[in-house]
N, C-alpha and C. Protein backbone atom coordinates (compact mmCIF):
# COMPACT_ATOMS: atom_id res chain seq x y z
N MET A 1 16.24 12.19 13.56
CA MET A 1 16.15 10.73 13.19
C MET A 1 17.50 10.57 12.48
N ASN A 2 18.69 9.53 12.57
CA ASN A 2 19.28 9.44 11.58
C ASN A 2 19.49 8.67 10.63
N ALA A 3 18.38 7.63 10.92
CA ALA A 3 18.38 6.12 9.99
C ALA A 3 17.66 6.37 8.74
N CYS A 4 18.28 6.21 7.74
CA CYS A 4 17.70 6.40 6.48
C CYS A 4 17.81 4.96 5.72
N SER A 5 17.48 3.84 5.94
CA SER A 5 17.35 2.46 5.46
C SER A 5 16.03 2.69 4.56
N LEU A 6 15.96 2.52 3.38
CA LEU A 6 14.08 2.02 3.20
C LEU A 6 13.69 1.06 3.96
N GLY A 7 14.56 0.19 4.21
CA GLY A 7 13.88 -0.87 4.94
C GLY A 7 13.40 -1.03 6.16
N THR A 8 14.10 -0.05 6.68
CA THR A 8 14.10 0.70 8.02
C THR A 8 13.35 1.67 8.74
N ILE A 9 13.19 2.65 7.72
CA ILE A 9 12.72 3.56 8.19
C ILE A 9 11.34 3.91 7.96
N ALA A 10 10.87 3.25 7.47
CA ALA A 10 9.01 3.20 7.49
C ALA A 10 8.48 2.82 9.08
N LEU A 11 9.58 1.64 9.53
CA LEU A 11 9.01 1.69 11.10
C LEU A 11 9.51 2.86 12.42
N LEU A 12 10.72 3.49 11.75
CA LEU A 12 11.20 4.51 12.60
C LEU A 12 10.60 6.01 12.40
N LEU A 13 10.16 6.34 11.26
CA LEU A 13 9.58 6.96 10.83
C LEU A 13 8.08 7.41 10.50
N THR A 14 8.01 8.69 10.70
CA THR A 14 6.25 8.80 10.43
C THR A 14 6.14 8.80 8.90
N SER A 15 5.75 8.73 8.61
CA SER A 15 4.98 9.40 7.13
C SER A 15 3.93 10.23 7.49
N VAL A 16 4.22 11.53 6.74
CA VAL A 16 3.23 12.58 6.61
C VAL A 16 2.32 12.77 5.27
N VAL A 17 1.06 12.62 5.42
CA VAL A 17 0.27 12.77 4.19
C VAL A 17 -0.55 13.52 4.64
N ALA A 18 -0.97 15.20 4.56
CA ALA A 18 -1.36 15.86 5.24
C ALA A 18 -1.73 17.08 4.20
N GLY A 19 -2.64 18.19 4.59
CA GLY A 19 -2.95 19.27 3.58
C GLY A 19 -2.06 20.23 4.15
N ALA A 20 -1.74 21.14 3.14
CA ALA A 20 -0.82 22.30 3.22
C ALA A 20 -1.44 23.30 4.17
N ASP A 21 -2.54 23.17 5.14
CA ASP A 21 -3.01 23.66 5.93
C ASP A 21 -2.14 23.11 7.86
N SER A 22 -1.50 21.38 7.41
CA SER A 22 -1.25 20.96 8.19
C SER A 22 -0.44 22.10 8.91
N PRO A 23 -0.26 21.38 10.39
CA PRO A 23 0.37 21.77 11.07
C PRO A 23 2.14 21.55 11.20
N ILE A 24 2.30 20.42 9.54
CA ILE A 24 3.47 20.23 10.12
C ILE A 24 4.23 21.05 9.08
N PHE A 25 3.41 22.25 8.60
CA PHE A 25 3.74 23.71 8.20
C PHE A 25 4.21 25.23 9.56
N ALA A 26 4.31 24.33 10.31
CA ALA A 26 3.83 24.94 11.61
C ALA A 26 5.69 25.73 11.54
N GLU A 27 6.29 26.94 12.36
CA GLU A 27 7.57 27.77 12.30
C GLU A 27 8.15 26.56 13.11
N LEU A 28 9.09 26.65 12.52
CA LEU A 28 10.04 25.14 12.93
C LEU A 28 11.36 25.89 13.95
N ALA A 29 11.52 25.76 14.67
CA ALA A 29 12.23 26.12 15.84
C ALA A 29 14.14 25.74 15.26
N PRO A 30 14.31 27.45 15.41
CA PRO A 30 15.20 27.47 14.62
C PRO A 30 16.77 26.89 14.82
N GLU A 31 16.52 26.25 16.16
CA GLU A 31 17.96 25.39 17.01
C GLU A 31 17.99 23.85 16.29
N ALA A 32 16.89 23.57 15.91
CA ALA A 32 16.52 22.35 15.62
C ALA A 32 17.07 22.10 14.22
N ALA A 33 18.10 21.10 13.58
CA ALA A 33 17.91 20.27 12.20
C ALA A 33 17.76 19.65 11.65
N ALA A 34 16.16 20.54 10.95
CA ALA A 34 15.14 19.26 11.04
C ALA A 34 14.41 19.94 9.79
N PHE A 35 13.29 19.20 8.90
CA PHE A 35 12.43 19.67 7.86
C PHE A 35 11.30 18.86 7.75
N ARG A 36 9.95 19.30 6.92
CA ARG A 36 8.91 18.93 7.43
C ARG A 36 8.74 18.28 5.86
N ALA A 37 8.02 17.30 5.25
CA ALA A 37 7.52 16.92 3.76
C ALA A 37 6.43 16.63 3.30
N GLU A 38 5.95 16.53 2.36
CA GLU A 38 4.22 15.81 2.24
C GLU A 38 4.01 16.10 0.56
N LEU A 39 3.23 15.13 0.19
CA LEU A 39 3.57 15.03 -1.04
C LEU A 39 2.18 15.83 -1.60
N ASP A 40 2.40 16.48 -2.37
CA ASP A 40 1.20 17.12 -3.51
C ASP A 40 -0.23 16.76 -3.08
N HIS A 41 -0.44 15.38 -3.15
CA HIS A 41 -2.04 14.93 -3.19
C HIS A 41 -2.03 14.31 -1.86
N ALA A 42 -2.51 14.49 -1.44
CA ALA A 42 -3.02 14.41 0.39
C ALA A 42 -2.98 12.83 0.63
N ASP A 43 -3.97 12.38 -0.25
CA ASP A 43 -3.81 10.77 -0.20
C ASP A 43 -2.83 9.81 -0.45
N GLY A 44 -1.92 10.08 -1.11
CA GLY A 44 -1.04 9.73 -1.78
C GLY A 44 -1.49 8.84 -2.70
N VAL A 45 -2.21 9.02 -3.60
CA VAL A 45 -2.81 8.58 -4.69
C VAL A 45 -2.59 9.85 -5.74
N TYR A 46 -1.74 8.56 -6.84
CA TYR A 46 -1.65 9.77 -8.30
C TYR A 46 -2.24 8.54 -9.37
N ARG A 47 -2.87 8.99 -10.24
CA ARG A 47 -3.07 8.59 -11.51
C ARG A 47 -2.07 8.24 -12.62
N ASP A 48 -2.37 7.63 -13.37
CA ASP A 48 -1.46 7.25 -14.63
C ASP A 48 -1.10 8.69 -15.14
N GLY A 49 0.37 9.26 -15.64
CA GLY A 49 0.40 10.82 -16.21
C GLY A 49 0.39 11.87 -15.67
N GLU A 50 -0.02 12.32 -14.23
CA GLU A 50 0.31 12.53 -12.68
C GLU A 50 1.24 13.15 -12.68
N PHE A 51 1.66 14.69 -12.04
CA PHE A 51 3.05 14.65 -11.91
C PHE A 51 3.42 14.76 -10.50
N LEU A 52 4.02 13.65 -9.87
CA LEU A 52 4.28 14.01 -8.08
C LEU A 52 5.37 14.93 -7.84
N ARG A 53 4.88 15.63 -6.52
CA ARG A 53 5.62 16.99 -5.90
C ARG A 53 5.48 16.60 -4.33
N VAL A 54 6.83 16.89 -4.10
CA VAL A 54 7.13 16.88 -2.26
C VAL A 54 6.90 18.16 -2.19
N ARG A 55 6.10 18.55 -1.10
CA ARG A 55 6.56 19.84 -0.53
C ARG A 55 7.03 20.19 0.54
N PHE A 56 8.00 20.93 0.55
CA PHE A 56 9.22 20.92 1.58
C PHE A 56 9.42 21.97 2.13
N GLN A 57 9.93 22.00 3.53
CA GLN A 57 10.28 23.18 4.07
C GLN A 57 11.23 22.78 5.66
N ALA A 58 12.23 23.41 5.41
CA ALA A 58 13.41 23.79 6.21
C ALA A 58 13.61 24.78 7.33
N ASN A 59 14.39 24.67 8.33
CA ASN A 59 14.82 25.49 9.44
C ASN A 59 16.05 25.91 8.82
N GLN A 60 16.86 25.29 7.47
CA GLN A 60 17.89 26.40 7.42
C GLN A 60 18.40 26.01 6.22
N PRO A 61 19.30 25.85 5.76
CA PRO A 61 20.12 26.19 4.49
C PRO A 61 20.57 23.99 4.46
N LEU A 62 19.73 23.29 3.23
CA LEU A 62 20.21 21.99 3.38
C LEU A 62 20.53 20.96 2.21
N HIS A 63 21.11 20.37 2.12
CA HIS A 63 21.37 19.50 1.11
C HIS A 63 20.06 19.13 0.99
N VAL A 64 19.56 18.33 0.07
CA VAL A 64 17.89 17.71 0.01
C VAL A 64 18.31 16.66 -1.38
N TYR A 65 17.64 15.74 -1.26
CA TYR A 65 17.87 14.26 -1.99
C TYR A 65 16.94 13.73 -2.15
N VAL A 66 15.53 14.01 -3.34
CA VAL A 66 14.37 13.45 -3.30
C VAL A 66 14.62 12.03 -4.60
N LEU A 67 14.20 10.77 -3.70
CA LEU A 67 14.27 9.51 -3.91
C LEU A 67 13.03 8.61 -4.32
N TYR A 68 12.64 8.48 -5.66
CA TYR A 68 11.15 7.89 -5.61
C TYR A 68 12.17 6.41 -5.93
N HIS A 69 11.54 5.44 -5.14
CA HIS A 69 11.67 4.17 -4.67
C HIS A 69 10.84 3.02 -5.70
N GLN A 70 11.53 2.90 -6.83
CA GLN A 70 9.97 1.77 -7.50
C GLN A 70 9.72 0.59 -7.38
N ALA A 71 8.80 -0.28 -7.65
CA ALA A 71 8.38 -1.50 -7.31
C ALA A 71 9.57 -2.17 -7.66
N ASP A 72 10.62 -1.74 -9.07
CA ASP A 72 11.33 -2.67 -9.30
C ASP A 72 12.62 -2.59 -8.76
N GLY A 73 12.50 -2.37 -6.96
CA GLY A 73 13.94 -1.81 -6.75
C GLY A 73 15.08 -0.92 -7.21
N ASN A 74 14.59 -0.15 -7.77
CA ASN A 74 15.14 0.96 -8.25
C ASN A 74 14.80 2.02 -8.01
N ALA A 75 15.99 3.23 -7.54
CA ALA A 75 15.44 4.65 -7.21
C ALA A 75 15.57 5.52 -8.00
N VAL A 76 15.00 6.19 -8.37
CA VAL A 76 15.22 7.26 -9.48
C VAL A 76 14.92 9.02 -8.35
N MET A 77 16.56 9.33 -8.54
CA MET A 77 16.71 10.91 -8.19
C MET A 77 15.51 11.83 -8.72
N VAL A 78 15.24 12.16 -7.93
CA VAL A 78 13.84 12.71 -8.62
C VAL A 78 14.06 13.88 -8.83
N PHE A 79 14.70 14.60 -7.29
CA PHE A 79 15.61 15.57 -7.30
C PHE A 79 17.03 15.77 -6.07
N PRO A 80 18.23 16.62 -6.53
CA PRO A 80 18.35 17.27 -7.72
C PRO A 80 18.54 16.12 -8.82
N ASN A 81 18.55 16.78 -10.29
CA ASN A 81 18.50 16.23 -11.66
C ASN A 81 19.16 17.21 -12.31
N ALA A 82 19.27 16.56 -13.48
CA ALA A 82 20.01 17.29 -14.68
C ALA A 82 19.75 18.86 -14.64
N GLY A 83 18.30 19.04 -14.85
CA GLY A 83 17.44 20.64 -15.06
C GLY A 83 18.04 20.99 -13.93
N ARG A 84 17.96 21.28 -12.38
CA ARG A 84 18.32 21.50 -11.36
C ARG A 84 19.28 20.73 -10.72
N PRO A 85 20.76 20.88 -10.86
CA PRO A 85 21.90 20.08 -10.09
C PRO A 85 22.33 20.47 -9.04
N ASP A 86 21.53 21.74 -8.46
CA ASP A 86 22.04 22.19 -7.10
C ASP A 86 21.16 21.81 -5.87
N SER A 87 21.79 20.20 -4.88
CA SER A 87 21.08 20.00 -3.91
C SER A 87 20.72 20.67 -3.30
N ARG A 88 21.96 21.91 -2.85
CA ARG A 88 21.63 22.89 -1.62
C ARG A 88 20.04 24.10 -2.05
N LEU A 89 19.24 23.58 -0.75
CA LEU A 89 18.45 24.74 -0.71
C LEU A 89 18.26 25.99 0.42
N ASN A 90 18.32 26.69 -0.30
CA ASN A 90 18.87 28.25 0.94
C ASN A 90 17.94 28.59 1.23
N GLN A 91 16.74 28.56 0.70
CA GLN A 91 15.61 29.69 0.71
C GLN A 91 14.54 28.95 1.73
N ALA A 92 14.11 29.93 3.17
CA ALA A 92 13.30 29.44 3.78
C ALA A 92 12.32 28.82 2.99
N GLY A 93 11.26 28.39 3.79
CA GLY A 93 9.51 28.45 3.61
C GLY A 93 9.47 27.61 2.86
N LEU A 94 8.52 27.15 2.38
CA LEU A 94 7.47 26.10 1.91
C LEU A 94 8.13 26.00 0.25
N GLN A 95 8.68 24.85 0.17
CA GLN A 95 9.27 24.97 -1.85
C GLN A 95 8.64 23.47 -2.38
N GLU A 96 8.70 23.66 -3.06
CA GLU A 96 7.89 22.15 -4.50
C GLU A 96 9.05 21.70 -5.24
N LEU A 97 9.21 20.43 -4.71
CA LEU A 97 10.55 19.46 -5.59
C LEU A 97 9.63 18.50 -6.62
N PRO A 98 9.57 18.59 -7.62
CA PRO A 98 10.13 19.34 -8.33
C PRO A 98 9.51 20.44 -8.31
N ALA A 99 10.31 21.70 -8.95
CA ALA A 99 9.04 23.07 -9.01
C ALA A 99 7.95 23.02 -10.42
N ARG A 100 7.11 23.38 -10.00
CA ARG A 100 6.26 23.20 -11.54
C ARG A 100 6.91 24.07 -12.54
N ASP A 101 7.79 25.13 -12.40
CA ASP A 101 8.66 25.01 -13.62
C ASP A 101 10.39 24.63 -13.90
N ASP A 102 10.01 23.53 -13.03
CA ASP A 102 11.30 22.78 -13.67
C ASP A 102 11.52 21.96 -15.07
N VAL A 103 12.62 22.17 -15.80
CA VAL A 103 12.81 21.01 -16.71
C VAL A 103 12.62 20.02 -16.88
N VAL A 104 12.73 19.00 -15.66
CA VAL A 104 12.63 18.13 -15.50
C VAL A 104 11.81 17.43 -14.58
N GLN A 105 10.84 16.54 -14.59
CA GLN A 105 9.42 16.52 -13.53
C GLN A 105 9.65 14.96 -13.38
N CYS A 106 8.75 14.72 -12.35
CA CYS A 106 8.51 13.28 -11.90
C CYS A 106 6.99 12.69 -12.40
N VAL A 107 6.91 12.23 -13.36
CA VAL A 107 5.24 11.55 -13.95
C VAL A 107 4.89 9.97 -13.71
N ILE A 108 4.50 10.24 -13.20
CA ILE A 108 3.47 8.53 -12.93
C ILE A 108 3.30 7.64 -13.67
N ARG A 109 3.89 6.44 -13.84
CA ARG A 109 3.84 5.36 -14.91
C ARG A 109 3.57 4.23 -14.04
N GLY A 110 3.24 3.09 -15.19
CA GLY A 110 2.98 1.55 -14.33
C GLY A 110 4.43 0.99 -14.52
N PRO A 111 4.41 -0.33 -13.66
CA PRO A 111 3.30 -0.80 -13.34
C PRO A 111 2.72 -0.09 -11.36
N PHE A 112 1.49 -0.08 -12.07
CA PHE A 112 0.75 0.59 -10.52
C PHE A 112 0.79 -0.34 -9.28
N THR A 113 1.47 0.02 -8.42
CA THR A 113 1.84 -0.87 -7.27
C THR A 113 2.20 0.75 -6.27
N GLU A 114 1.99 -0.25 -4.68
CA GLU A 114 2.63 0.75 -3.82
C GLU A 114 4.21 1.63 -3.94
N GLU A 115 4.37 2.47 -4.44
CA GLU A 115 5.84 2.75 -4.10
C GLU A 115 6.25 4.12 -2.73
N ALA A 116 7.73 3.94 -2.81
CA ALA A 116 7.75 5.66 -1.74
C ALA A 116 9.09 6.71 -2.08
N VAL A 117 8.22 7.53 -1.74
CA VAL A 117 9.63 8.27 -1.91
C VAL A 117 10.01 8.81 -0.89
N GLN A 118 11.80 8.86 -0.67
CA GLN A 118 12.18 8.93 0.45
C GLN A 118 13.10 10.21 0.53
N ILE A 119 12.80 11.20 1.31
CA ILE A 119 13.10 13.00 1.21
C ILE A 119 15.09 12.57 1.88
N VAL A 120 16.23 12.60 1.21
CA VAL A 120 17.01 12.84 2.73
C VAL A 120 17.40 14.00 2.73
N ALA A 121 17.84 15.05 3.56
CA ALA A 121 18.60 15.59 4.05
C ALA A 121 19.52 15.47 5.12
N SER A 122 20.37 16.47 4.28
CA SER A 122 21.50 16.64 5.17
C SER A 122 22.45 18.30 5.10
N ALA A 123 23.06 18.54 6.27
CA ALA A 123 23.78 19.72 6.27
C ALA A 123 25.18 20.13 5.29
N GLU A 124 25.76 18.85 5.06
CA GLU A 124 26.60 18.61 4.15
C GLU A 124 26.20 17.30 2.67
N PRO A 125 26.85 18.26 1.89
CA PRO A 125 26.25 17.07 0.34
C PRO A 125 26.75 16.06 0.81
N ILE A 126 25.80 15.22 0.11
CA ILE A 126 26.44 13.63 0.07
C ILE A 126 26.28 13.10 -1.09
N ALA A 127 28.56 12.70 -0.92
CA ALA A 127 28.69 12.59 -1.79
C ALA A 127 28.54 11.56 -2.70
N ALA A 128 27.96 10.57 -2.53
CA ALA A 128 28.04 9.12 -3.29
C ALA A 128 26.36 9.70 -4.25
N LEU A 129 25.87 10.49 -3.55
CA LEU A 129 24.30 10.70 -4.45
C LEU A 129 24.73 12.48 -5.16
N GLU A 130 25.63 12.69 -4.97
CA GLU A 130 26.05 13.56 -5.88
C GLU A 130 26.73 13.11 -6.92
N ALA A 131 27.47 12.26 -6.48
CA ALA A 131 28.16 11.56 -7.78
C ALA A 131 27.54 10.81 -8.65
N ALA A 132 26.37 10.34 -8.15
CA ALA A 132 25.22 9.61 -8.93
C ALA A 132 24.54 10.56 -10.11
N LEU A 133 24.33 11.65 -9.42
CA LEU A 133 24.04 12.91 -10.95
C LEU A 133 24.76 13.37 -11.49
N THR A 134 26.30 13.79 -11.41
CA THR A 134 27.19 13.88 -12.37
C THR A 134 27.46 12.44 -13.42
N ASP A 135 27.34 11.67 -12.78
CA ASP A 135 28.00 10.24 -13.64
C ASP A 135 26.80 9.70 -14.60
N SER A 136 25.91 10.27 -14.10
CA SER A 136 24.53 9.43 -15.07
C SER A 136 24.32 10.09 -16.44
N PRO A 137 24.14 9.94 -17.50
CA PRO A 137 24.29 9.83 -18.90
C PRO A 137 22.18 10.60 -18.69
N GLU A 138 22.01 9.60 -17.99
CA GLU A 138 20.21 10.69 -17.98
C GLU A 138 19.73 11.91 -17.18
N ALA A 139 18.68 12.38 -17.57
CA ALA A 139 18.26 13.54 -16.74
C ALA A 139 18.41 13.42 -15.57
N VAL A 140 17.81 12.38 -14.54
CA VAL A 140 17.38 11.72 -13.53
C VAL A 140 17.98 10.40 -13.63
N PRO A 141 19.19 10.51 -12.25
CA PRO A 141 20.03 9.13 -12.14
C PRO A 141 18.73 8.34 -11.48
N VAL A 142 19.31 6.72 -12.15
CA VAL A 142 18.81 5.67 -11.49
C VAL A 142 19.56 4.90 -10.59
N ILE A 143 19.44 4.36 -9.28
CA ILE A 143 20.12 4.14 -8.03
C ILE A 143 19.52 2.53 -7.71
N THR A 144 19.92 1.60 -7.58
CA THR A 144 19.07 0.80 -6.49
C THR A 144 19.23 1.18 -5.38
N SER A 145 18.10 0.43 -5.19
CA SER A 145 17.68 0.91 -3.13
C SER A 145 18.58 0.69 -2.74
N SER A 146 18.93 -0.46 -2.90
CA SER A 146 20.19 -1.24 -1.94
C SER A 146 21.33 -0.17 -1.45
N GLN A 147 21.82 0.47 -2.95
CA GLN A 147 22.98 1.67 -2.97
C GLN A 147 22.21 2.62 -1.81
N ILE A 148 21.10 2.76 -2.17
CA ILE A 148 20.81 3.89 -1.21
C ILE A 148 20.68 3.85 0.13
N ASP A 149 20.43 2.23 0.74
CA ASP A 149 20.55 1.71 1.67
C ASP A 149 21.70 2.06 2.32
N ALA A 150 22.91 1.88 1.38
CA ALA A 150 24.36 1.40 2.23
C ALA A 150 24.74 2.94 1.81
N VAL A 151 24.44 4.39 0.85
CA VAL A 151 25.07 5.27 1.10
C VAL A 151 24.11 6.16 2.69
N CYS A 152 23.32 5.75 2.60
CA CYS A 152 22.53 6.60 3.64
C CYS A 152 23.26 5.60 5.70
N ALA A 153 23.31 4.27 5.32
CA ALA A 153 23.79 3.65 6.10
C ALA A 153 25.25 3.96 6.82
N ALA A 154 25.74 4.52 5.57
CA ALA A 154 27.40 4.89 6.01
C ALA A 154 27.33 6.12 6.16
N HIS A 155 26.03 7.27 6.01
CA HIS A 155 25.72 8.33 6.72
C HIS A 155 25.17 8.47 8.41
N ALA A 156 24.55 7.63 8.42
CA ALA A 156 23.66 7.13 9.41
C ALA A 156 24.90 8.44 10.93
N ALA A 157 25.17 8.04 10.89
CA ALA A 157 25.96 8.73 12.82
C ALA A 157 26.14 10.06 11.87
N SER A 158 25.90 10.80 11.05
CA SER A 158 26.35 11.67 10.55
C SER A 158 25.68 13.13 11.67
N GLU A 159 26.51 14.15 12.10
CA GLU A 159 24.65 15.27 12.59
C GLU A 159 24.28 16.07 11.72
N GLY A 160 23.14 16.08 11.34
CA GLY A 160 22.22 17.47 10.52
C GLY A 160 21.65 16.17 9.30
N LEU A 161 22.24 14.81 9.53
CA LEU A 161 21.27 13.93 8.65
C LEU A 161 19.82 13.61 8.96
N ALA A 162 18.73 13.55 8.23
CA ALA A 162 17.27 13.58 8.44
C ALA A 162 16.88 12.69 7.24
N ALA A 163 16.21 12.28 7.26
CA ALA A 163 14.93 11.17 6.47
C ALA A 163 13.92 11.07 6.45
N GLN A 164 13.12 11.05 5.46
CA GLN A 164 11.31 10.72 5.84
C GLN A 164 11.10 9.66 5.05
N VAL A 165 10.21 8.96 4.74
CA VAL A 165 9.45 7.90 3.41
C VAL A 165 8.14 8.38 3.59
N LEU A 166 7.79 9.00 2.60
CA LEU A 166 6.08 8.85 2.53
C LEU A 166 5.59 7.75 1.35
N THR A 167 4.48 7.07 1.14
CA THR A 167 3.72 6.25 0.59
C THR A 167 3.00 6.85 -1.14
N VAL A 168 3.49 6.18 -2.06
CA VAL A 168 2.46 6.71 -2.72
C VAL A 168 2.08 5.50 -3.86
N SER A 169 0.57 5.40 -4.00
CA SER A 169 0.25 4.58 -4.25
C SER A 169 -0.56 4.66 -5.79
N SER A 170 -0.49 4.10 -6.43
CA SER A 170 -0.99 4.13 -7.94
C SER A 170 -2.15 2.70 -8.43
N PRO A 171 -3.49 3.40 -8.29
CA PRO A 171 -4.49 2.43 -8.44
C PRO A 171 -4.34 1.90 -9.81
N ALA A 172 -4.53 0.71 -10.17
CA ALA A 172 -4.81 0.03 -11.78
C ALA A 172 -5.41 0.87 -12.41
N LYS A 173 -5.04 1.21 -13.52
CA LYS A 173 -6.60 1.61 -14.60
C LYS A 173 -7.10 1.16 -14.99
N GLU A 174 -8.09 2.09 -15.24
CA GLU A 174 -9.84 1.68 -15.02
C GLU A 174 -10.03 1.58 -16.15
């Protein structure tokens, strides 16, 4: 699927929140430019201070961007980041983004609400997202969700562009 606007993607793509033994990790057809992703918490619920990771599997090398869309309208580019700047994933099989031993991690902090993780994958690097990483003085670039929508809309016709959105919930502190 080529659409990747956060405003419409939730309607167009299926959110996958499943266990590691789920069929989403079944063998992917080599002729399809596809990927599968899920959150490391099967229910999509994270508490204050917990690490967020995306389990990712593709059938071919892809440039991958993991964007955490916050309630304030900004998106944090969780992957790639200053500690692991190469967006290209060449390795087949299941991977965690960010990996447990990566220098830069995604830690859930308030305000507590429903937010989203968007995974964008492309056969070619997406110049605007690559530039956001190299131009940012921060370890993880912060981009407005509307800028992400514009970048994705500009690349929507590209062959090999795919996206998926996963819902993240954080309950209020107890």
